[in-house]
């Protein structure tokens, strides 16, 4: 354990920030899982409606907003968020083609 007061404070801050980042990261993973599960449910129905497309677009927009928010908080890096957004939009577009 560190002896100086500033290093002890830094250790405490790092623990706090790590917990907060883990919360945000797990929330993004759960949102992505819900999005993928919804796509699978719609694929199993074999009934493509305009309402379902709008519903998926709303969920994707919500997910993109969350990713942008976490980019501003420096939890994710810019390129990782770009890749995630592209992959998710490709999944949505392949579903409706």
PDB file of N, CA and C in Angstrom:
ATOM      1  N   UNK A   1       0.841  -1.185   0.000  1.00  0.00           N
ATOM      2  CA  UNK A   1       0.000   0.000   0.000  1.00  0.00           C
ATOM      3  C   UNK A   1       0.886   1.248   0.000  1.00  0.00           C
ATOM      4  N   UNK A   2       0.407   2.286  -0.641  1.00  0.00           N
ATOM      5  CA  UNK A   2       1.180   3.520  -0.764  1.00  0.00           C
ATOM      6  C   UNK A   2       1.220   4.271   0.570  1.00  0.00           C
ATOM      7  N   UNK A   3       2.279   5.027   0.742  1.00  0.00           N
ATOM      8  CA  UNK A   3       2.455   5.769   1.988  1.00  0.00           C
ATOM      9  C   UNK A   3       1.999   7.208   1.890  1.00  0.00           C
ATOM     10  N   UNK A   4       2.161   7.827   0.750  1.00  0.00           N
ATOM     11  CA  UNK A   4       1.836   9.245   0.621  1.00  0.00           C
ATOM     12  C   UNK A   4       0.341   9.446   0.492  1.00  0.00           C
ATOM     13  N   UNK A   5      -0.096  10.589   1.004  1.00  0.00           N
ATOM     14  CA  UNK A   5      -1.523  10.884   1.026  1.00  0.00           C
ATOM     15  C   UNK A   5      -2.092  11.025  -0.392  1.00  0.00           C
ATOM     16  N   UNK A   6      -1.347  11.648  -1.279  1.00  0.00           N
ATOM     17  CA  UNK A   6      -1.839  11.852  -2.643  1.00  0.00           C
ATOM     18  C   UNK A   6      -1.985  10.519  -3.387  1.00  0.00           C
ATOM     19  N   UNK A   7      -1.060   9.607  -3.158  1.00  0.00           N
ATOM     20  CA  UNK A   7      -1.156   8.312  -3.844  1.00  0.00           C
ATOM     21  C   UNK A   7      -2.304   7.479  -3.283  1.00  0.00           C
ATOM     22  N   UNK A   8      -2.591   7.616  -1.996  1.00  0.00           N
ATOM     23  CA  UNK A   8      -3.739   6.918  -1.404  1.00  0.00           C
ATOM     24  C   UNK A   8      -5.039   7.441  -2.005  1.00  0.00           C
ATOM     25  N   UNK A   9      -5.116   8.776  -2.152  1.00  0.00           N
ATOM     26  CA  UNK A   9      -6.308   9.377  -2.769  1.00  0.00           C
ATOM     27  C   UNK A   9      -6.473   8.897  -4.205  1.00  0.00           C
ATOM     28  N   UNK A  10      -5.343   8.830  -4.928  1.00  0.00           N
ATOM     29  CA  UNK A  10      -5.394   8.396  -6.320  1.00  0.00           C
ATOM     30  C   UNK A  10      -5.902   6.956  -6.432  1.00  0.00           C
ATOM     31  N   UNK A  11      -5.478   6.114  -5.516  1.00  0.00           N
ATOM     32  CA  UNK A  11      -5.929   4.718  -5.516  1.00  0.00           C
ATOM     33  C   UNK A  11      -7.433   4.646  -5.279  1.00  0.00           C
ATOM     34  N   UNK A  12      -7.929   5.456  -4.342  1.00  0.00           N
ATOM     35  CA  UNK A  12      -9.373   5.478  -4.063  1.00  0.00           C
ATOM     36  C   UNK A  12     -10.155   5.977  -5.271  1.00  0.00           C
ATOM     37  N   UNK A  13      -9.652   7.030  -5.910  1.00  0.00           N
ATOM     38  CA  UNK A  13     -10.328   7.559  -7.094  1.00  0.00           C
ATOM     39  C   UNK A  13     -10.342   6.543  -8.230  1.00  0.00           C
ATOM     40  N   UNK A  14      -9.252   5.838  -8.406  1.00  0.00           N
ATOM     41  CA  UNK A  14      -9.206   4.825  -9.464  1.00  0.00           C
ATOM     42  C   UNK A  14     -10.207   3.718  -9.216  1.00  0.00           C
ATOM     43  N   UNK A  15     -10.354   3.296  -7.973  1.00  0.00           N
ATOM     44  CA  UNK A  15     -11.343   2.268  -7.642  1.00  0.00           C
ATOM     45  C   UNK A  15     -12.749   2.763  -7.953  1.00  0.00           C
ATOM     46  N   UNK A  16     -13.030   4.011  -7.556  1.00  0.00           N
ATOM     47  CA  UNK A  16     -14.353   4.586  -7.802  1.00  0.00           C
ATOM     48  C   UNK A  16     -14.641   4.673  -9.302  1.00  0.00           C
ATOM     49  N   UNK A  17     -13.666   5.169 -10.056  1.00  0.00           N
ATOM     50  CA  UNK A  17     -13.858   5.313 -11.494  1.00  0.00           C
ATOM     51  C   UNK A  17     -13.995   3.966 -12.187  1.00  0.00           C
ATOM     52  N   UNK A  18     -13.259   2.965 -11.724  1.00  0.00           N
ATOM     53  CA  UNK A  18     -13.347   1.634 -12.311  1.00  0.00           C
ATOM     54  C   UNK A  18     -14.738   1.047 -12.108  1.00  0.00           C
ATOM     55  N   UNK A  19     -15.305   1.242 -10.913  1.00  0.00           N
ATOM     56  CA  UNK A  19     -16.664   0.752 -10.657  1.00  0.00           C
ATOM     57  C   UNK A  19     -17.669   1.439 -11.569  1.00  0.00           C
ATOM     58  N   UNK A  20     -17.531   2.752 -11.702  1.00  0.00           N
ATOM     59  CA  UNK A  20     -18.468   3.504 -12.539  1.00  0.00           C
ATOM     60  C   UNK A  20     -18.359   3.051 -13.988  1.00  0.00           C
ATOM     61  N   UNK A  21     -17.151   2.866 -14.480  1.00  0.00           N
ATOM     62  CA  UNK A  21     -16.963   2.438 -15.862  1.00  0.00           C
ATOM     63  C   UNK A  21     -17.514   1.037 -16.089  1.00  0.00           C
ATOM     64  N   UNK A  22     -17.354   0.156 -15.116  1.00  0.00           N
ATOM     65  CA  UNK A  22     -17.906  -1.195 -15.243  1.00  0.00           C
ATOM     66  C   UNK A  22     -19.422  -1.153 -15.343  1.00  0.00           C
ATOM     67  N   UNK A  23     -20.052  -0.248 -14.614  1.00  0.00           N
ATOM     68  CA  UNK A  23     -21.507  -0.110 -14.691  1.00  0.00           C
ATOM     69  C   UNK A  23     -21.917   0.310 -16.098  1.00  0.00           C
ATOM     70  N   UNK A  24     -21.247   1.313 -16.650  1.00  0.00           N
ATOM     71  CA  UNK A  24     -21.604   1.787 -17.986  1.00  0.00           C
ATOM     72  C   UNK A  24     -21.353   0.721 -19.047  1.00  0.00           C
ATOM     73  N   UNK A  25     -20.240   0.028 -18.929  1.00  0.00           N
ATOM     74  CA  UNK A  25     -19.902  -1.004 -19.912  1.00  0.00           C
ATOM     75  C   UNK A  25     -20.914  -2.139 -19.869  1.00  0.00           C
ATOM     76  N   UNK A  26     -21.302  -2.555 -18.670  1.00  0.00           N
ATOM     77  CA  UNK A  26     -22.283  -3.641 -18.573  1.00  0.00           C
ATOM     78  C   UNK A  26     -23.648  -3.200 -19.077  1.00  0.00           C
ATOM     79  N   UNK A  27     -24.000  -1.931 -18.885  1.00  0.00           N
ATOM     80  CA  UNK A  27     -25.290  -1.461 -19.403  1.00  0.00           C
ATOM     81  C   UNK A  27     -25.296  -1.470 -20.927  1.00  0.00           C
ATOM     82  N   UNK A  28     -24.173  -1.126 -21.552  1.00  0.00           N
ATOM     83  CA  UNK A  28     -24.099  -1.171 -23.015  1.00  0.00           C
ATOM     84  C   UNK A  28     -24.224  -2.607 -23.502  1.00  0.00           C
ATOM     85  N   UNK A  29     -23.529  -3.534 -22.837  1.00  0.00           N
ATOM     86  CA  UNK A  29     -23.629  -4.941 -23.232  1.00  0.00           C
ATOM     87  C   UNK A  29     -25.064  -5.447 -23.118  1.00  0.00           C
ATOM     88  N   UNK A  30     -25.759  -5.061 -22.054  1.00  0.00           N
ATOM     89  CA  UNK A  30     -27.135  -5.535 -21.896  1.00  0.00           C
ATOM     90  C   UNK A  30     -28.046  -4.929 -22.957  1.00  0.00           C
ATOM     91  N   UNK A  31     -27.816  -3.659 -23.325  1.00  0.00           N
ATOM     92  CA  UNK A  31     -28.614  -3.048 -24.391  1.00  0.00           C
ATOM     93  C   UNK A  31     -28.371  -3.750 -25.723  1.00  0.00           C
ATOM     94  N   UNK A  32     -27.138  -4.107 -25.996  1.00  0.00           N
ATOM     95  CA  UNK A  32     -26.820  -4.805 -27.244  1.00  0.00           C
ATOM     96  C   UNK A  32     -27.456  -6.192 -27.251  1.00  0.00           C
ATOM     97  N   UNK A  33     -27.419  -6.879 -26.115  1.00  0.00           N
ATOM     98  CA  UNK A  33     -28.052  -8.199 -26.028  1.00  0.00           C
ATOM     99  C   UNK A  33     -29.552  -8.102 -26.272  1.00  0.00           C
ATOM    100  N   UNK A  34     -30.198  -7.088 -25.692  1.00  0.00           N
ATOM    101  CA  UNK A  34     -31.632  -6.907 -25.905  1.00  0.00           C
ATOM    102  C   UNK A  34     -31.935  -6.627 -27.373  1.00  0.00           C
ATOM    103  N   UNK A  35     -31.095  -5.816 -28.005  1.00  0.00           N
ATOM    104  CA  UNK A  35     -31.273  -5.507 -29.422  1.00  0.00           C
ATOM    105  C   UNK A  35     -31.151  -6.764 -30.272  1.00  0.00           C
ATOM    106  N   UNK A  36     -30.128  -7.578 -30.003  1.00  0.00           N
ATOM    107  CA  UNK A  36     -29.940  -8.821 -30.760  1.00  0.00           C
ATOM    108  C   UNK A  36     -31.076  -9.806 -30.514  1.00  0.00           C
ATOM    109  N   UNK A  37     -31.549  -9.877 -29.274  1.00  0.00           N
ATOM    110  CA  UNK A  37     -32.651 -10.777 -28.949  1.00  0.00           C
ATOM    111  C   UNK A  37     -33.928 -10.344 -29.664  1.00  0.00           C
ATOM    112  N   UNK A  38     -34.144  -9.042 -29.747  1.00  0.00           N
ATOM    113  CA  UNK A  38     -35.321  -8.535 -30.437  1.00  0.00           C
ATOM    114  C   UNK A  38     -35.261  -8.868 -31.930  1.00  0.00           C
ATOM    115  N   UNK A  39     -34.097  -8.756 -32.524  1.00  0.00           N
ATOM    116  CA  UNK A  39     -33.946  -9.115 -33.935  1.00  0.00           C
ATOM    117  C   UNK A  39     -34.244 -10.600 -34.132  1.00  0.00           C
ATOM    118  N   UNK A  40     -33.726 -11.445 -33.247  1.00  0.00           N
ATOM    119  CA  UNK A  40     -33.989 -12.884 -33.353  1.00  0.00           C
ATOM    120  C   UNK A  40     -35.469 -13.199 -33.185  1.00  0.00           C
ATOM    121  N   UNK A  41     -36.125 -12.510 -32.267  1.00  0.00           N
ATOM    122  CA  UNK A  41     -37.563 -12.731 -32.080  1.00  0.00           C
ATOM    123  C   UNK A  41     -38.343 -12.363 -33.335  1.00  0.00           C
ATOM    124  N   UNK A  42     -37.971 -11.254 -33.976  1.00  0.00           N
ATOM    125  CA  UNK A  42     -38.658 -10.840 -35.189  1.00  0.00           C
ATOM    126  C   UNK A  42     -38.357 -11.787 -36.343  1.00  0.00           C
ATOM    127  N   UNK A  43     -37.164 -12.358 -36.366  1.00  0.00           N
ATOM    128  CA  UNK A  43     -36.842 -13.322 -37.423  1.00  0.00           C
ATOM    129  C   UNK A  43     -37.679 -14.585 -37.277  1.00  0.00           C
ATOM    130  N   UNK A  44     -37.927 -14.981 -36.047  1.00  0.00           N
ATOM    131  CA  UNK A  44     -38.718 -16.186 -35.810  1.00  0.00           C
ATOM    132  C   UNK A  44     -40.189 -15.991 -36.166  1.00  0.00           C
ATOM    133  N   UNK A  45     -40.667 -14.754 -36.108  1.00  0.00           N
ATOM    134  CA  UNK A  45     -42.070 -14.508 -36.425  1.00  0.00           C
ATOM    135  C   UNK A  45     -42.365 -14.594 -37.919  1.00  0.00           C
ATOM    136  N   UNK A  46     -41.368 -14.318 -38.746  1.00  0.00           N
ATOM    137  CA  UNK A  46     -41.526 -14.320 -40.210  1.00  0.00           C
ATOM    138  C   UNK A  46     -42.637 -13.389 -40.672  1.00  0.00           C
ATOM    139  N   UNK A  47     -42.875 -12.333 -39.928  1.00  0.00           N
ATOM    140  CA  UNK A  47     -43.914 -11.382 -40.262  1.00  0.00           C
ATOM    141  C   UNK A  47     -43.321  -9.987 -40.095  1.00  0.00           C
ATOM    142  N   UNK A  48     -42.925  -9.360 -41.206  1.00  0.00           N
ATOM    143  CA  UNK A  48     -42.231  -8.084 -41.139  1.00  0.00           C
ATOM    144  C   UNK A  48     -43.237  -6.952 -41.301  1.00  0.00           C
ATOM    145  N   UNK A  49     -43.383  -6.167 -40.285  1.00  0.00           N
ATOM    146  CA  UNK A  49     -44.275  -5.022 -40.317  1.00  0.00           C
ATOM    147  C   UNK A  49     -43.460  -3.732 -40.257  1.00  0.00           C
ATOM    148  N   UNK A  50     -44.126  -2.654 -40.627  1.00  0.00           N
ATOM    149  CA  UNK A  50     -43.499  -1.351 -40.531  1.00  0.00           C
ATOM    150  C   UNK A  50     -43.322  -0.962 -39.067  1.00  0.00           C
ATOM    151  N   UNK A  51     -44.248  -1.408 -38.214  1.00  0.00           N
ATOM    152  CA  UNK A  51     -44.150  -1.101 -36.787  1.00  0.00           C
ATOM    153  C   UNK A  51     -42.915  -1.748 -36.169  1.00  0.00           C
ATOM    154  N   UNK A  52     -42.599  -2.958 -36.590  1.00  0.00           N
ATOM    155  CA  UNK A  52     -41.427  -3.642 -36.064  1.00  0.00           C
ATOM    156  C   UNK A  52     -40.156  -2.929 -36.497  1.00  0.00           C
ATOM    157  N   UNK A  53     -40.169  -2.438 -37.731  1.00  0.00           N
ATOM    158  CA  UNK A  53     -39.005  -1.713 -38.224  1.00  0.00           C
ATOM    159  C   UNK A  53     -38.809  -0.437 -37.417  1.00  0.00           C
ATOM    160  N   UNK A  54     -39.882   0.268 -37.141  1.00  0.00           N
ATOM    161  CA  UNK A  54     -39.788   1.484 -36.338  1.00  0.00           C
ATOM    162  C   UNK A  54     -39.325   1.176 -34.926  1.00  0.00           C
ATOM    163  N   UNK A  55     -39.806   0.077 -34.389  1.00  0.00           N
ATOM    164  CA  UNK A  55     -39.423  -0.313 -33.044  1.00  0.00           C
ATOM    165  C   UNK A  55     -37.927  -0.609 -32.968  1.00  0.00           C
ATOM    166  N   UNK A  56     -37.414  -1.329 -33.956  1.00  0.00           N
ATOM    167  CA  UNK A  56     -35.978  -1.609 -33.991  1.00  0.00           C
ATOM    168  C   UNK A  56     -35.165  -0.334 -34.199  1.00  0.00           C
ATOM    169  N   UNK A  57     -35.668   0.568 -35.027  1.00  0.00           N
ATOM    170  CA  UNK A  57     -34.959   1.829 -35.244  1.00  0.00           C
ATOM    171  C   UNK A  57     -34.906   2.654 -33.965  1.00  0.00           C
ATOM    172  N   UNK A  58     -35.999   2.647 -33.195  1.00  0.00           N
ATOM    173  CA  UNK A  58     -36.000   3.370 -31.923  1.00  0.00           C
ATOM    174  C   UNK A  58     -34.982   2.786 -30.957  1.00  0.00           C
ATOM    175  N   UNK A  59     -34.935   1.458 -30.901  1.00  0.00           N
ATOM    176  CA  UNK A  59     -33.977   0.816 -29.996  1.00  0.00           C
ATOM    177  C   UNK A  59     -32.543   1.091 -30.442  1.00  0.00           C
ATOM    178  N   UNK A  60     -32.312   1.076 -31.754  1.00  0.00           N
ATOM    179  CA  UNK A  60     -30.973   1.361 -32.270  1.00  0.00           C
ATOM    180  C   UNK A  60     -30.584   2.811 -31.998  1.00  0.00           C
ATOM    181  N   UNK A  61     -31.515   3.739 -32.149  1.00  0.00           N
ATOM    182  CA  UNK A  61     -31.225   5.142 -31.850  1.00  0.00           C
ATOM    183  C   UNK A  61     -30.889   5.332 -30.376  1.00  0.00           C
ATOM    184  N   UNK A  62     -31.634   4.649 -29.512  1.00  0.00           N
ATOM    185  CA  UNK A  62     -31.367   4.731 -28.074  1.00  0.00           C
ATOM    186  C   UNK A  62     -29.980   4.183 -27.759  1.00  0.00           C
ATOM    187  N   UNK A  63     -29.626   3.096 -28.407  1.00  0.00           N
ATOM    188  CA  UNK A  63     -28.318   2.477 -28.212  1.00  0.00           C
ATOM    189  C   UNK A  63     -27.207   3.402 -28.710  1.00  0.00           C
ATOM    190  N   UNK A  64     -27.419   4.032 -29.854  1.00  0.00           N
ATOM    191  CA  UNK A  64     -26.420   4.959 -30.391  1.00  0.00           C
ATOM    192  C   UNK A  64     -26.236   6.165 -29.480  1.00  0.00           C
ATOM    193  N   UNK A  65     -27.337   6.668 -28.912  1.00  0.00           N
ATOM    194  CA  UNK A  65     -27.237   7.788 -27.979  1.00  0.00           C
ATOM    195  C   UNK A  65     -26.448   7.403 -26.738  1.00  0.00           C
ATOM    196  N   UNK A  66     -26.688   6.191 -26.246  1.00  0.00           N
ATOM    197  CA  UNK A  66     -25.951   5.723 -25.073  1.00  0.00           C
ATOM    198  C   UNK A  66     -24.467   5.605 -25.388  1.00  0.00           C
ATOM    199  N   UNK A  67     -24.147   5.072 -26.559  1.00  0.00           N
ATOM    200  CA  UNK A  67     -22.741   4.952 -26.951  1.00  0.00           C
ATOM    201  C   UNK A  67     -22.077   6.314 -27.083  1.00  0.00           C
ATOM    202  N   UNK A  68     -22.801   7.284 -27.648  1.00  0.00           N
ATOM    203  CA  UNK A  68     -22.243   8.631 -27.778  1.00  0.00           C
ATOM    204  C   UNK A  68     -22.013   9.266 -26.405  1.00  0.00           C
ATOM    205  N   UNK A  69     -22.929   9.029 -25.501  1.00  0.00           N
ATOM    206  CA  UNK A  69     -22.788   9.575 -24.149  1.00  0.00           C
ATOM    207  C   UNK A  69     -21.562   8.991 -23.461  1.00  0.00           C
ATOM    208  N   UNK A  70     -21.330   7.697 -23.646  1.00  0.00           N
ATOM    209  CA  UNK A  70     -20.187   7.057 -23.013  1.00  0.00           C
ATOM    210  C   UNK A  70     -18.881   7.456 -23.702  1.00  0.00           C
ATOM    211  N   UNK A  71     -18.957   7.853 -24.966  1.00  0.00           N
ATOM    212  CA  UNK A  71     -17.780   8.383 -25.641  1.00  0.00           C
ATOM    213  C   UNK A  71     -17.384   9.722 -25.021  1.00  0.00           C
ATOM    214  N   UNK A  72     -18.370  10.561 -24.731  1.00  0.00           N
ATOM    215  CA  UNK A  72     -18.075  11.852 -24.114  1.00  0.00           C
ATOM    216  C   UNK A  72     -17.504  11.694 -22.710  1.00  0.00           C
ATOM    217  N   UNK A  73     -17.901  10.640 -22.023  1.00  0.00           N
ATOM    218  CA  UNK A  73     -17.386  10.394 -20.678  1.00  0.00           C
ATOM    219  C   UNK A  73     -16.063   9.638 -20.702  1.00  0.00           C
ATOM    220  N   UNK A  74     -15.532   9.401 -21.890  1.00  0.00           N
ATOM    221  CA  UNK A  74     -14.242   8.721 -22.087  1.00  0.00           C
ATOM    222  C   UNK A  74     -14.231   7.307 -21.538  1.00  0.00           C
ATOM    223  N   UNK A  75     -15.346   6.620 -21.630  1.00  0.00           N
ATOM    224  CA  UNK A  75     -15.402   5.230 -21.193  1.00  0.00           C
ATOM    225  C   UNK A  75     -15.002   4.318 -22.348  1.00  0.00           C
ATOM    226  N   UNK A  76     -15.464   4.650 -23.541  1.00  0.00           N
ATOM    227  CA  UNK A  76     -15.079   3.910 -24.741  1.00  0.00           C
ATOM    228  C   UNK A  76     -14.243   4.818 -25.631  1.00  0.00           C
ATOM    229  N   UNK A  77     -13.428   4.193 -26.477  1.00  0.00           N
ATOM    230  CA  UNK A  77     -12.665   4.973 -27.443  1.00  0.00           C
ATOM    231  C   UNK A  77     -13.488   5.180 -28.709  1.00  0.00           C
ATOM    232  N   UNK A  78     -13.097   6.178 -29.470  1.00  0.00           N
ATOM    233  CA  UNK A  78     -13.853   6.599 -30.646  1.00  0.00           C
ATOM    234  C   UNK A  78     -14.017   5.482 -31.664  1.00  0.00           C
ATOM    235  N   UNK A  79     -12.951   4.764 -31.974  1.00  0.00           N
ATOM    236  CA  UNK A  79     -13.016   3.736 -33.012  1.00  0.00           C
ATOM    237  C   UNK A  79     -13.880   2.549 -32.583  1.00  0.00           C
ATOM    238  N   UNK A  80     -13.840   2.206 -31.306  1.00  0.00           N
ATOM    239  CA  UNK A  80     -14.657   1.094 -30.828  1.00  0.00           C
ATOM    240  C   UNK A  80     -16.141   1.419 -30.971  1.00  0.00           C
ATOM    241  N   UNK A  81     -16.501   2.651 -30.683  1.00  0.00           N
ATOM    242  CA  UNK A  81     -17.900   3.057 -30.816  1.00  0.00           C
ATOM    243  C   UNK A  81     -18.309   3.074 -32.283  1.00  0.00           C
ATOM    244  N   UNK A  82     -17.434   3.540 -33.153  1.00  0.00           N
ATOM    245  CA  UNK A  82     -17.747   3.525 -34.591  1.00  0.00           C
ATOM    246  C   UNK A  82     -18.016   2.108 -35.065  1.00  0.00           C
ATOM    247  N   UNK A  83     -17.138   1.167 -34.654  1.00  0.00           N
ATOM    248  CA  UNK A  83     -17.315  -0.226 -35.068  1.00  0.00           C
ATOM    249  C   UNK A  83     -18.630  -0.794 -34.554  1.00  0.00           C
ATOM    250  N   UNK A  84     -18.951  -0.518 -33.290  1.00  0.00           N
ATOM    251  CA  UNK A  84     -20.201  -1.028 -32.723  1.00  0.00           C
ATOM    252  C   UNK A  84     -21.407  -0.492 -33.466  1.00  0.00           C
ATOM    253  N   UNK A  85     -21.399   0.809 -33.748  1.00  0.00           N
ATOM    254  CA  UNK A  85     -22.528   1.418 -34.453  1.00  0.00           C
ATOM    255  C   UNK A  85     -22.700   0.806 -35.841  1.00  0.00           C
ATOM    256  N   UNK A  86     -21.601   0.611 -36.543  1.00  0.00           N
ATOM    257  CA  UNK A  86     -21.665   0.040 -37.893  1.00  0.00           C
ATOM    258  C   UNK A  86     -22.191  -1.387 -37.849  1.00  0.00           C
ATOM    259  N   UNK A  87     -21.693  -2.190 -36.909  1.00  0.00           N
ATOM    260  CA  UNK A  87     -22.151  -3.578 -36.817  1.00  0.00           C
ATOM    261  C   UNK A  87     -23.639  -3.664 -36.491  1.00  0.00           C
ATOM    262  N   UNK A  88     -24.089  -2.828 -35.567  1.00  0.00           N
ATOM    263  CA  UNK A  88     -25.499  -2.856 -35.187  1.00  0.00           C
ATOM    264  C   UNK A  88     -26.399  -2.391 -36.332  1.00  0.00           C
ATOM    265  N   UNK A  89     -25.981  -1.361 -37.039  1.00  0.00           N
ATOM    266  CA  UNK A  89     -26.806  -0.894 -38.159  1.00  0.00           C
ATOM    267  C   UNK A  89     -26.814  -1.922 -39.293  1.00  0.00           C
ATOM    268  N   UNK A  90     -25.699  -2.638 -39.492  1.00  0.00           N
ATOM    269  CA  UNK A  90     -25.683  -3.699 -40.500  1.00  0.00           C
ATOM    270  C   UNK A  90     -26.650  -4.815 -40.127  1.00  0.00           C
ATOM    271  N   UNK A  91     -26.699  -5.170 -38.850  1.00  0.00           N
ATOM    272  CA  UNK A  91     -27.631  -6.213 -38.416  1.00  0.00           C
ATOM    273  C   UNK A  91     -29.070  -5.782 -38.669  1.00  0.00           C
ATOM    274  N   UNK A  92     -29.362  -4.532 -38.342  1.00  0.00           N
ATOM    275  CA  UNK A  92     -30.734  -4.044 -38.553  1.00  0.00           C
ATOM    276  C   UNK A  92     -31.064  -4.011 -40.038  1.00  0.00           C
ATOM    277  N   UNK A  93     -30.130  -3.537 -40.865  1.00  0.00           N
ATOM    278  CA  UNK A  93     -30.395  -3.446 -42.303  1.00  0.00           C
ATOM    279  C   UNK A  93     -30.493  -4.807 -42.961  1.00  0.00           C
ATOM    280  N   UNK A  94     -29.702  -5.760 -42.529  1.00  0.00           N
ATOM    281  CA  UNK A  94     -29.773  -7.109 -43.115  1.00  0.00           C
ATOM    282  C   UNK A  94     -31.081  -7.785 -42.733  1.00  0.00           C
ATOM    283  N   UNK A  95     -31.618  -7.404 -41.617  1.00  0.00           N
ATOM    284  CA  UNK A  95     -32.884  -7.995 -41.176  1.00  0.00           C
ATOM    285  C   UNK A  95     -34.034  -7.557 -42.081  1.00  0.00           C
ATOM    286  N   UNK A  96     -33.996  -6.344 -42.576  1.00  0.00           N
ATOM    287  CA  UNK A  96     -35.114  -5.819 -43.377  1.00  0.00           C
ATOM    288  C   UNK A  96     -34.865  -5.864 -44.872  1.00  0.00           C
ATOM    289  N   UNK A  97     -33.818  -6.503 -45.305  1.00  0.00           N
ATOM    290  CA  UNK A  97     -33.594  -6.615 -46.759  1.00  0.00           C
ATOM    291  C   UNK A  97     -34.204  -7.878 -47.315  1.00  0.00           C
TER     292      UNK A  97
END
